[in-house]
Amino acid sequence: MKNIYLNAVRTHVDLLVRRSRTDKLIVWDIGTDEVHDPSLVAYRAYGNRDYADVVMLCAGTNRIGEPLPRRTIFLPLPANLAQLKREHMSKGAGIDG
């Protein structure tokens, strides 16, 4: 389920970046204090540390403990993230069970 959701997030962000529509994304410069804590970026961007997986995905890292790159990343807007989660997490639930 979660992979379907994260793949949808990646597709959404990649499409907007390719279309130069970064105005429809959160543009985030990874700070020195955020390099080792994707949950801190999630908290600052979304007000919720639970989105650390989205931050890692958008930063191109694969696991907790892997440092985030000191560069600009693009994150989905909160409304888009909620919509993608609703759509793709519920689809996965129907497939799996």
C-alpha atoms as a PDB file:
ATOM      1  CA  MET A   1       0.000   0.000   0.000  1.00  0.00           C
ATOM      2  CA  LYS A   2       2.608   2.481   1.098  1.00  0.00           C
ATOM      3  CA  ASN A   3       4.753   1.872  -1.988  1.00  0.00           C
ATOM      4  CA  ILE A   4       1.820   2.741  -4.246  1.00  0.00           C
ATOM      5  CA  TYR A   5       1.312   5.971  -2.314  1.00  0.00           C
ATOM      6  CA  LEU A   6       5.006   6.917  -2.359  1.00  0.00           C
ATOM      7  CA  ASN A   7       5.243   6.126  -6.079  1.00  0.00           C
ATOM      8  CA  ALA A   8       2.282   8.464  -6.651  1.00  0.00           C
ATOM      9  CA  VAL A   9       4.031  11.192  -4.636  1.00  0.00           C
ATOM     10  CA  ARG A  10       7.202  10.751  -6.703  1.00  0.00           C
ATOM     11  CA  THR A  11       5.233  10.872  -9.972  1.00  0.00           C
ATOM     12  CA  HIS A  12       3.354  14.007  -8.856  1.00  0.00           C
ATOM     13  CA  VAL A  13       6.523  15.878  -7.878  1.00  0.00           C
ATOM     14  CA  ASP A  14       8.501  14.738 -10.943  1.00  0.00           C
ATOM     15  CA  LEU A  15       5.715  15.788 -13.304  1.00  0.00           C
ATOM     16  CA  LEU A  16       5.452  19.269 -11.814  1.00  0.00           C
ATOM     17  CA  VAL A  17       9.241  19.748 -11.841  1.00  0.00           C
ATOM     18  CA  ARG A  18       9.456  18.605 -15.489  1.00  0.00           C
ATOM     19  CA  ARG A  19       6.683  21.057 -16.397  1.00  0.00           C
ATOM     20  CA  SER A  20       8.503  23.847 -14.504  1.00  0.00           C
ATOM     21  CA  ARG A  21       5.502  24.199 -12.176  1.00  0.00           C
ATOM     22  CA  THR A  22       7.498  24.392  -8.973  1.00  0.00           C
ATOM     23  CA  ASP A  23       5.055  27.111  -7.892  1.00  0.00           C
ATOM     24  CA  LYS A  24       2.712  24.205  -7.126  1.00  0.00           C
ATOM     25  CA  LEU A  25       5.285  22.578  -4.809  1.00  0.00           C
ATOM     26  CA  ILE A  26       7.025  23.428  -1.551  1.00  0.00           C
ATOM     27  CA  VAL A  27      10.556  24.515  -2.441  1.00  0.00           C
ATOM     28  CA  TRP A  28      12.749  23.547   0.504  1.00  0.00           C
ATOM     29  CA  ASP A  29      16.431  24.233   1.098  1.00  0.00           C
ATOM     30  CA  ILE A  30      17.795  21.529   3.406  1.00  0.00           C
ATOM     31  CA  GLY A  31      19.384  23.289   6.368  1.00  0.00           C
ATOM     32  CA  THR A  32      22.469  22.209   8.261  1.00  0.00           C
ATOM     33  CA  ASP A  33      20.340  21.197  11.255  1.00  0.00           C
ATOM     34  CA  GLU A  34      18.068  19.107   8.998  1.00  0.00           C
ATOM     35  CA  VAL A  35      20.677  16.972   7.216  1.00  0.00           C
ATOM     36  CA  HIS A  36      20.397  14.079   9.674  1.00  0.00           C
ATOM     37  CA  ASP A  37      16.705  14.468  10.546  1.00  0.00           C
ATOM     38  CA  PRO A  38      14.133  14.168   7.746  1.00  0.00           C
ATOM     39  CA  SER A  39      11.400  14.241  10.385  1.00  0.00           C
ATOM     40  CA  LEU A  40      12.476  17.798  11.258  1.00  0.00           C
ATOM     41  CA  VAL A  41      11.932  18.868   7.648  1.00  0.00           C
ATOM     42  CA  ALA A  42       8.558  17.108   7.704  1.00  0.00           C
ATOM     43  CA  TYR A  43       7.616  18.916  10.908  1.00  0.00           C
ATOM     44  CA  ARG A  44       8.649  22.293   9.538  1.00  0.00           C
ATOM     45  CA  ALA A  45       7.023  21.780   6.123  1.00  0.00           C
ATOM     46  CA  TYR A  46       3.849  19.953   7.189  1.00  0.00           C
ATOM     47  CA  GLY A  47       3.582  20.366  10.959  1.00  0.00           C
ATOM     48  CA  ASN A  48       3.836  16.590  11.298  1.00  0.00           C
ATOM     49  CA  ARG A  49       6.935  14.399  11.652  1.00  0.00           C
ATOM     50  CA  ASP A  50       5.054  11.436  10.146  1.00  0.00           C
ATOM     51  CA  TYR A  51       5.903  12.669   6.643  1.00  0.00           C
ATOM     52  CA  ALA A  52       9.638  11.942   7.005  1.00  0.00           C
ATOM     53  CA  ASP A  53       9.255   9.223   4.353  1.00  0.00           C
ATOM     54  CA  VAL A  54       7.989  11.816   1.857  1.00  0.00           C
ATOM     55  CA  VAL A  55      10.938  14.078   2.674  1.00  0.00           C
ATOM     56  CA  MET A  56      13.412  11.211   2.176  1.00  0.00           C
ATOM     57  CA  LEU A  57      11.739  10.256  -1.113  1.00  0.00           C
ATOM     58  CA  CYS A  58      11.878  13.810  -2.441  1.00  0.00           C
ATOM     59  CA  ALA A  59      15.480  14.231  -1.277  1.00  0.00           C
ATOM     60  CA  GLY A  60      16.515  10.982  -2.964  1.00  0.00           C
ATOM     61  CA  THR A  61      17.558   9.129   0.188  1.00  0.00           C
ATOM     62  CA  ASN A  62      16.558   5.571   0.977  1.00  0.00           C
ATOM     63  CA  ARG A  63      16.795   5.047   4.723  1.00  0.00           C
ATOM     64  CA  ILE A  64      16.799   6.778   8.085  1.00  0.00           C
ATOM     65  CA  GLY A  65      20.359   7.680   8.965  1.00  0.00           C
ATOM     66  CA  GLU A  66      21.319   8.481   5.389  1.00  0.00           C
ATOM     67  CA  PRO A  67      22.090  12.215   5.337  1.00  0.00           C
ATOM     68  CA  LEU A  68      19.830  14.452   3.286  1.00  0.00           C
ATOM     69  CA  PRO A  69      21.641  16.342   0.527  1.00  0.00           C
ATOM     70  CA  ARG A  70      22.414  20.007   1.245  1.00  0.00           C
ATOM     71  CA  ARG A  71      20.388  21.269  -1.704  1.00  0.00           C
ATOM     72  CA  THR A  72      16.932  22.436  -2.680  1.00  0.00           C
ATOM     73  CA  ILE A  73      14.258  19.753  -2.799  1.00  0.00           C
ATOM     74  CA  PHE A  74      10.636  19.886  -3.916  1.00  0.00           C
ATOM     75  CA  LEU A  75       7.816  18.599  -1.728  1.00  0.00           C
ATOM     76  CA  PRO A  76       4.121  18.242  -2.534  1.00  0.00           C
ATOM     77  CA  LEU A  77       1.758  20.814  -1.084  1.00  0.00           C
ATOM     78  CA  PRO A  78      -0.121  19.564   2.003  1.00  0.00           C
ATOM     79  CA  ALA A  79      -3.465  19.407   0.155  1.00  0.00           C
ATOM     80  CA  ASN A  80      -1.948  17.377  -2.696  1.00  0.00           C
ATOM     81  CA  LEU A  81      -0.205  15.065  -0.259  1.00  0.00           C
ATOM     82  CA  ALA A  82      -3.472  14.433   1.596  1.00  0.00           C
ATOM     83  CA  GLN A  83      -5.288  13.755  -1.671  1.00  0.00           C
ATOM     84  CA  LEU A  84      -2.611  11.313  -2.876  1.00  0.00           C
ATOM     85  CA  LYS A  85      -2.677   9.542   0.473  1.00  0.00           C
ATOM     86  CA  ARG A  86      -6.479   9.205   0.397  1.00  0.00           C
ATOM     87  CA  GLU A  87      -6.498   7.923  -3.178  1.00  0.00           C
ATOM     88  CA  HIS A  88      -3.609   5.512  -3.052  1.00  0.00           C
ATOM     89  CA  MET A  89      -3.690   4.187   0.485  1.00  0.00           C
ATOM     90  CA  SER A  90      -7.362   3.242   0.112  1.00  0.00           C
ATOM     91  CA  LYS A  91      -6.703   1.562  -3.261  1.00  0.00           C
ATOM     92  CA  GLY A  92      -3.971  -0.519  -1.670  1.00  0.00           C
ATOM     93  CA  ALA A  93      -6.272  -1.553   1.152  1.00  0.00           C
ATOM     94  CA  GLY A  94      -8.806  -2.856  -1.352  1.00  0.00           C
ATOM     95  CA  ILE A  95      -6.176  -4.843  -3.226  1.00  0.00           C
ATOM     96  CA  ASP A  96      -4.537  -6.371  -0.178  1.00  0.00           C
ATOM     97  CA  GLY A  97      -7.535  -7.217   1.870  1.00  0.00           C
END
